[in-house]
Each structure stands twice: as structure tokens, then as C-alpha cells.
Amino acid sequence: MDTDLKELLRSVLREELAPINQRLDGMDKRLDDMDKRLDGMDKRLDGMDKRFDGIEQRLDKIESDVQELKAGQAELQKNIVENLGNFTEKIAHQVEDRTGALNKRVFEVETVIQRLTNQ
């Protein structure tokens, strides 16, 4: 009778546990599906990370280029100011030289005119 009782208990346990096992199997399937979806999302996120890395590299390059342009522009402005100052000085000296020469000629002409008027 011991074995009959054991078999009966086993049978009852199988019947009672069968729906639980089915539900657990269903949950396993759903979890597997969720794992697959998460794997797909991981792959997409990896792709996005790669794209962001590329964007960051390009942005770094652009920032570097902008800094170089700013430095070049500052140097260019400095050179322009220096060159304008030099050109202004040269023009002023040239005007002074020509003015001096003209003054000398005018003085000579005035001297000649005075001599002629005094005679």
C-alpha cells in the first residue's frame, strides 16, 4: 500500500503542478522574448554610441578649427593695425618731404619776386 499511496501522491502532485509548470513555461518564453528585444535594443544603442563618437570627433575637429581661425584672425588684426600705422607714418613722412620741397620752391619764387619788385 505504501507504493500505491506514493503513486497516488505523485499523480496528484503532477496534476496540481501541471498548470503551474505551464505558466512557468509561458513566463520563460516571455522572458526569452524580452531578452531578444533587449539584445536588439543593445545593438541599436551600440550603433548610436558609435554615431555619437563620430559626431563628438567631428565636433572636436570643428572646435579646434574655430580656435585656429580665432587665433589667425587676432594675428591678422594685429598685423593690419601695425601695417596701417607703418603706412600712415610713411605717408606722413612723404607729405612732410614734399611739403618741405614745395615750401622751398615757394620761398625761392617769393625771393625772386621780391628781387624783381625791388629793382
N, C-alpha and C. Protein backbone atom coordinates (compact mmCIF):
# COMPACT_ATOMS: atom_id res chain seq x y z
N MET A 1 0.81 -1.18 0.00
CA MET A 1 0.00 0.00 0.00
C MET A 1 0.86 1.26 0.00
N ASP A 2 1.97 1.11 0.51
CA ASP A 2 2.91 2.23 0.54
C ASP A 2 3.20 2.73 -0.87
N THR A 3 3.43 1.85 -1.76
CA THR A 3 3.76 2.26 -3.13
C THR A 3 2.54 2.82 -3.83
N ASP A 4 1.36 2.30 -3.54
CA ASP A 4 0.14 2.84 -4.14
C ASP A 4 -0.09 4.27 -3.66
N LEU A 5 0.14 4.46 -2.40
CA LEU A 5 -0.03 5.79 -1.83
C LEU A 5 0.97 6.77 -2.46
N LYS A 6 2.19 6.33 -2.63
CA LYS A 6 3.21 7.16 -3.25
C LYS A 6 2.83 7.52 -4.68
N GLU A 7 2.35 6.53 -5.42
CA GLU A 7 1.95 6.76 -6.80
C GLU A 7 0.77 7.72 -6.86
N LEU A 8 -0.16 7.57 -5.94
CA LEU A 8 -1.32 8.44 -5.88
C LEU A 8 -0.88 9.88 -5.57
N LEU A 9 0.02 10.03 -4.63
CA LEU A 9 0.52 11.36 -4.29
C LEU A 9 1.28 11.97 -5.48
N ARG A 10 2.05 11.18 -6.13
CA ARG A 10 2.78 11.67 -7.30
C ARG A 10 1.81 12.11 -8.40
N SER A 11 0.80 11.33 -8.59
CA SER A 11 -0.19 11.65 -9.61
C SER A 11 -0.91 12.96 -9.27
N VAL A 12 -1.29 13.11 -8.02
CA VAL A 12 -1.98 14.33 -7.58
C VAL A 12 -1.03 15.52 -7.73
N LEU A 13 0.20 15.34 -7.33
CA LEU A 13 1.17 16.43 -7.45
C LEU A 13 1.39 16.82 -8.91
N ARG A 14 1.48 15.84 -9.80
CA ARG A 14 1.65 16.13 -11.22
C ARG A 14 0.47 16.93 -11.75
N GLU A 15 -0.73 16.51 -11.38
CA GLU A 15 -1.93 17.21 -11.85
C GLU A 15 -1.98 18.64 -11.31
N GLU A 16 -1.62 18.78 -10.06
CA GLU A 16 -1.67 20.11 -9.45
C GLU A 16 -0.54 21.01 -9.97
N LEU A 17 0.61 20.42 -10.20
CA LEU A 17 1.76 21.20 -10.65
C LEU A 17 1.76 21.46 -12.16
N ALA A 18 0.99 20.71 -12.91
CA ALA A 18 0.96 20.86 -14.37
C ALA A 18 0.60 22.29 -14.78
N PRO A 19 -0.48 22.89 -14.24
CA PRO A 19 -0.79 24.26 -14.64
C PRO A 19 0.31 25.25 -14.23
N ILE A 20 0.90 24.98 -13.07
CA ILE A 20 1.98 25.86 -12.61
C ILE A 20 3.17 25.75 -13.56
N ASN A 21 3.49 24.53 -13.95
CA ASN A 21 4.59 24.33 -14.91
C ASN A 21 4.29 25.00 -16.25
N GLN A 22 3.03 24.92 -16.69
CA GLN A 22 2.66 25.57 -17.94
C GLN A 22 2.82 27.09 -17.84
N ARG A 23 2.38 27.62 -16.72
CA ARG A 23 2.52 29.07 -16.54
C ARG A 23 3.99 29.47 -16.48
N LEU A 24 4.80 28.66 -15.80
CA LEU A 24 6.23 28.95 -15.73
C LEU A 24 6.87 28.85 -17.12
N ASP A 25 6.44 27.87 -17.91
CA ASP A 25 6.95 27.75 -19.28
C ASP A 25 6.58 28.99 -20.10
N GLY A 26 5.35 29.46 -19.93
CA GLY A 26 4.91 30.68 -20.62
C GLY A 26 5.74 31.88 -20.19
N MET A 27 6.01 31.95 -18.91
CA MET A 27 6.83 33.06 -18.41
C MET A 27 8.24 32.97 -18.97
N ASP A 28 8.77 31.74 -19.06
CA ASP A 28 10.10 31.56 -19.65
C ASP A 28 10.13 32.04 -21.09
N LYS A 29 9.08 31.71 -21.85
CA LYS A 29 9.01 32.15 -23.24
C LYS A 29 8.96 33.67 -23.32
N ARG A 30 8.14 34.28 -22.46
CA ARG A 30 8.04 35.74 -22.47
C ARG A 30 9.37 36.37 -22.08
N LEU A 31 10.04 35.81 -21.10
CA LEU A 31 11.34 36.33 -20.70
C LEU A 31 12.37 36.18 -21.83
N ASP A 32 12.30 35.05 -22.55
CA ASP A 32 13.19 34.87 -23.69
C ASP A 32 12.92 35.93 -24.76
N ASP A 33 11.62 36.19 -25.01
CA ASP A 33 11.27 37.24 -25.98
C ASP A 33 11.79 38.61 -25.52
N MET A 34 11.64 38.87 -24.23
CA MET A 34 12.13 40.14 -23.70
C MET A 34 13.65 40.22 -23.83
N ASP A 35 14.35 39.10 -23.58
CA ASP A 35 15.80 39.09 -23.75
C ASP A 35 16.19 39.40 -25.19
N LYS A 36 15.45 38.81 -26.14
CA LYS A 36 15.74 39.07 -27.55
C LYS A 36 15.53 40.55 -27.88
N ARG A 37 14.44 41.11 -27.37
CA ARG A 37 14.17 42.52 -27.63
C ARG A 37 15.25 43.40 -26.99
N LEU A 38 15.65 43.05 -25.78
CA LEU A 38 16.70 43.83 -25.12
C LEU A 38 18.03 43.71 -25.87
N ASP A 39 18.31 42.52 -26.41
CA ASP A 39 19.52 42.36 -27.21
C ASP A 39 19.47 43.27 -28.44
N GLY A 40 18.29 43.32 -29.07
CA GLY A 40 18.12 44.22 -30.22
C GLY A 40 18.32 45.67 -29.83
N MET A 41 17.77 46.04 -28.68
CA MET A 41 17.95 47.42 -28.21
C MET A 41 19.41 47.70 -27.90
N ASP A 42 20.11 46.72 -27.32
CA ASP A 42 21.54 46.89 -27.04
C ASP A 42 22.32 47.14 -28.33
N LYS A 43 21.98 46.38 -29.37
CA LYS A 43 22.67 46.57 -30.65
C LYS A 43 22.41 47.96 -31.20
N ARG A 44 21.15 48.39 -31.11
CA ARG A 44 20.83 49.73 -31.60
C ARG A 44 21.55 50.80 -30.79
N LEU A 45 21.60 50.61 -29.48
CA LEU A 45 22.31 51.58 -28.63
C LEU A 45 23.80 51.60 -28.94
N ASP A 46 24.37 50.41 -29.23
CA ASP A 46 25.78 50.37 -29.63
C ASP A 46 26.00 51.16 -30.91
N GLY A 47 25.09 51.00 -31.85
CA GLY A 47 25.17 51.77 -33.10
C GLY A 47 25.07 53.26 -32.84
N MET A 48 24.18 53.65 -31.95
CA MET A 48 24.03 55.06 -31.61
C MET A 48 25.30 55.57 -30.93
N ASP A 49 25.89 54.76 -30.06
CA ASP A 49 27.14 55.16 -29.40
C ASP A 49 28.23 55.41 -30.43
N LYS A 50 28.33 54.54 -31.42
CA LYS A 50 29.34 54.73 -32.46
C LYS A 50 29.09 56.03 -33.22
N ARG A 51 27.81 56.29 -33.54
CA ARG A 51 27.49 57.51 -34.27
C ARG A 51 27.81 58.74 -33.42
N PHE A 52 27.48 58.67 -32.13
CA PHE A 52 27.79 59.80 -31.24
C PHE A 52 29.29 60.01 -31.13
N ASP A 53 30.04 58.91 -31.09
CA ASP A 53 31.50 59.05 -31.05
C ASP A 53 32.00 59.78 -32.29
N GLY A 54 31.45 59.42 -33.44
CA GLY A 54 31.82 60.10 -34.68
C GLY A 54 31.45 61.57 -34.65
N ILE A 55 30.27 61.85 -34.12
CA ILE A 55 29.82 63.24 -34.03
C ILE A 55 30.73 64.02 -33.08
N GLU A 56 31.09 63.41 -31.96
CA GLU A 56 31.98 64.07 -31.00
C GLU A 56 33.34 64.36 -31.63
N GLN A 57 33.85 63.42 -32.41
CA GLN A 57 35.14 63.64 -33.07
C GLN A 57 35.05 64.80 -34.05
N ARG A 58 33.97 64.83 -34.81
CA ARG A 58 33.80 65.93 -35.77
C ARG A 58 33.63 67.26 -35.05
N LEU A 59 32.89 67.25 -33.94
CA LEU A 59 32.70 68.47 -33.17
C LEU A 59 34.03 68.95 -32.59
N ASP A 60 34.84 68.01 -32.09
CA ASP A 60 36.16 68.38 -31.57
C ASP A 60 37.01 69.02 -32.68
N LYS A 61 36.94 68.45 -33.87
CA LYS A 61 37.70 68.99 -35.00
C LYS A 61 37.21 70.40 -35.35
N ILE A 62 35.90 70.57 -35.34
CA ILE A 62 35.33 71.89 -35.64
C ILE A 62 35.76 72.90 -34.59
N GLU A 63 35.72 72.49 -33.31
CA GLU A 63 36.14 73.40 -32.24
C GLU A 63 37.61 73.77 -32.40
N SER A 64 38.42 72.80 -32.76
CA SER A 64 39.85 73.07 -32.98
C SER A 64 40.03 74.04 -34.14
N ASP A 65 39.29 73.82 -35.22
CA ASP A 65 39.38 74.71 -36.38
C ASP A 65 38.94 76.13 -36.01
N VAL A 66 37.89 76.23 -35.21
CA VAL A 66 37.41 77.54 -34.80
C VAL A 66 38.48 78.27 -33.97
N GLN A 67 39.13 77.53 -33.09
CA GLN A 67 40.19 78.15 -32.28
C GLN A 67 41.34 78.63 -33.17
N GLU A 68 41.70 77.81 -34.17
CA GLU A 68 42.76 78.22 -35.09
C GLU A 68 42.34 79.48 -35.87
N LEU A 69 41.07 79.50 -36.30
CA LEU A 69 40.58 80.67 -37.03
C LEU A 69 40.59 81.92 -36.16
N LYS A 70 40.20 81.76 -34.90
CA LYS A 70 40.20 82.91 -33.99
C LYS A 70 41.63 83.43 -33.79
N ALA A 71 42.56 82.51 -33.60
CA ALA A 71 43.96 82.92 -33.42
C ALA A 71 44.47 83.60 -34.69
N GLY A 72 44.14 83.05 -35.84
CA GLY A 72 44.56 83.65 -37.10
C GLY A 72 43.94 85.02 -37.31
N GLN A 73 42.68 85.15 -36.93
CA GLN A 73 42.00 86.44 -37.07
C GLN A 73 42.63 87.48 -36.15
N ALA A 74 42.96 87.08 -34.92
CA ALA A 74 43.60 88.02 -33.99
C ALA A 74 44.95 88.47 -34.54
N GLU A 75 45.72 87.52 -35.07
CA GLU A 75 47.03 87.86 -35.65
C GLU A 75 46.86 88.77 -36.86
N LEU A 76 45.86 88.48 -37.67
CA LEU A 76 45.60 89.30 -38.85
C LEU A 76 45.22 90.73 -38.44
N GLN A 77 44.37 90.85 -37.42
CA GLN A 77 44.00 92.19 -36.96
C GLN A 77 45.22 92.94 -36.43
N LYS A 78 46.06 92.24 -35.69
CA LYS A 78 47.29 92.86 -35.16
C LYS A 78 48.16 93.34 -36.31
N ASN A 79 48.34 92.49 -37.33
CA ASN A 79 49.16 92.86 -38.48
C ASN A 79 48.56 94.03 -39.24
N ILE A 80 47.26 94.04 -39.38
CA ILE A 80 46.60 95.14 -40.09
C ILE A 80 46.84 96.45 -39.37
N VAL A 81 46.67 96.44 -38.05
CA VAL A 81 46.88 97.66 -37.26
C VAL A 81 48.32 98.13 -37.39
N GLU A 82 49.28 97.19 -37.27
CA GLU A 82 50.69 97.55 -37.40
C GLU A 82 50.98 98.13 -38.78
N ASN A 83 50.49 97.44 -39.81
CA ASN A 83 50.76 97.90 -41.18
C ASN A 83 50.11 99.25 -41.46
N LEU A 84 48.91 99.46 -40.95
CA LEU A 84 48.27 100.76 -41.15
C LEU A 84 49.09 101.87 -40.48
N GLY A 85 49.59 101.55 -39.28
CA GLY A 85 50.44 102.54 -38.59
C GLY A 85 51.68 102.84 -39.40
N ASN A 86 52.33 101.80 -39.92
CA ASN A 86 53.54 101.99 -40.74
C ASN A 86 53.23 102.78 -42.00
N PHE A 87 52.14 102.44 -42.68
CA PHE A 87 51.79 103.16 -43.90
C PHE A 87 51.45 104.61 -43.59
N THR A 88 50.77 104.84 -42.48
CA THR A 88 50.44 106.22 -42.10
C THR A 88 51.70 107.02 -41.86
N GLU A 89 52.66 106.41 -41.17
CA GLU A 89 53.94 107.09 -40.93
C GLU A 89 54.64 107.40 -42.25
N LYS A 90 54.68 106.43 -43.15
CA LYS A 90 55.33 106.65 -44.44
C LYS A 90 54.65 107.77 -45.21
N ILE A 91 53.33 107.76 -45.19
CA ILE A 91 52.59 108.80 -45.91
C ILE A 91 52.88 110.16 -45.28
N ALA A 92 52.90 110.21 -43.95
CA ALA A 92 53.16 111.48 -43.26
C ALA A 92 54.56 111.98 -43.61
N HIS A 93 55.56 111.09 -43.62
CA HIS A 93 56.93 111.50 -43.98
C HIS A 93 56.98 111.98 -45.42
N GLN A 94 56.29 111.27 -46.28
CA GLN A 94 56.30 111.67 -47.68
C GLN A 94 55.64 113.03 -47.86
N VAL A 95 54.53 113.24 -47.16
CA VAL A 95 53.86 114.54 -47.24
C VAL A 95 54.76 115.63 -46.69
N GLU A 96 55.45 115.34 -45.56
CA GLU A 96 56.37 116.32 -44.97
C GLU A 96 57.50 116.65 -45.95
N ASP A 97 58.07 115.60 -46.56
CA ASP A 97 59.16 115.83 -47.51
C ASP A 97 58.68 116.68 -48.69
N ARG A 98 57.56 116.36 -49.22
CA ARG A 98 57.06 117.11 -50.38
C ARG A 98 56.65 118.53 -49.97
N THR A 99 56.09 118.63 -48.77
CA THR A 99 55.72 119.96 -48.30
C THR A 99 56.96 120.82 -48.12
N GLY A 100 58.01 120.21 -47.56
CA GLY A 100 59.28 120.93 -47.40
C GLY A 100 59.82 121.37 -48.74
N ALA A 101 59.77 120.49 -49.72
CA ALA A 101 60.27 120.83 -51.05
C ALA A 101 59.44 121.94 -51.67
N LEU A 102 58.12 121.85 -51.51
CA LEU A 102 57.25 122.89 -52.05
C LEU A 102 57.49 124.22 -51.34
N ASN A 103 57.64 124.16 -50.02
CA ASN A 103 57.92 125.39 -49.28
C ASN A 103 59.22 126.04 -49.76
N LYS A 104 60.21 125.20 -50.01
CA LYS A 104 61.48 125.71 -50.50
C LYS A 104 61.30 126.39 -51.85
N ARG A 105 60.53 125.76 -52.75
CA ARG A 105 60.29 126.35 -54.07
C ARG A 105 59.50 127.66 -53.96
N VAL A 106 58.48 127.62 -53.09
CA VAL A 106 57.68 128.85 -52.92
C VAL A 106 58.57 129.96 -52.38
N PHE A 107 59.44 129.62 -51.43
CA PHE A 107 60.35 130.62 -50.87
C PHE A 107 61.25 131.19 -51.95
N GLU A 108 61.76 130.30 -52.81
CA GLU A 108 62.63 130.76 -53.89
C GLU A 108 61.87 131.66 -54.84
N VAL A 109 60.63 131.27 -55.15
CA VAL A 109 59.81 132.09 -56.06
C VAL A 109 59.53 133.45 -55.41
N GLU A 110 59.17 133.43 -54.13
CA GLU A 110 58.90 134.70 -53.43
C GLU A 110 60.15 135.58 -53.40
N THR A 111 61.31 134.96 -53.20
CA THR A 111 62.56 135.71 -53.18
C THR A 111 62.79 136.35 -54.54
N VAL A 112 62.57 135.59 -55.59
CA VAL A 112 62.76 136.12 -56.94
C VAL A 112 61.77 137.24 -57.19
N ILE A 113 60.54 137.06 -56.75
CA ILE A 113 59.50 138.09 -56.96
C ILE A 113 59.90 139.36 -56.19
N GLN A 114 60.38 139.23 -54.96
CA GLN A 114 60.79 140.39 -54.19
C GLN A 114 61.96 141.10 -54.84
N ARG A 115 62.92 140.37 -55.37
CA ARG A 115 64.03 140.99 -56.03
C ARG A 115 63.57 141.77 -57.25
N LEU A 116 62.64 141.15 -57.95
CA LEU A 116 62.15 141.81 -59.16
C LEU A 116 61.33 143.06 -58.82
N THR A 117 60.58 142.98 -57.76
CA THR A 117 59.76 144.13 -57.37
C THR A 117 60.61 145.23 -56.76
N ASN A 118 61.74 144.86 -56.15
CA ASN A 118 62.62 145.86 -55.53
C ASN A 118 63.50 146.55 -56.57
N GLN A 119 63.63 146.06 -57.74
CA GLN A 119 64.51 146.67 -58.73
C GLN A 119 63.90 147.83 -59.36
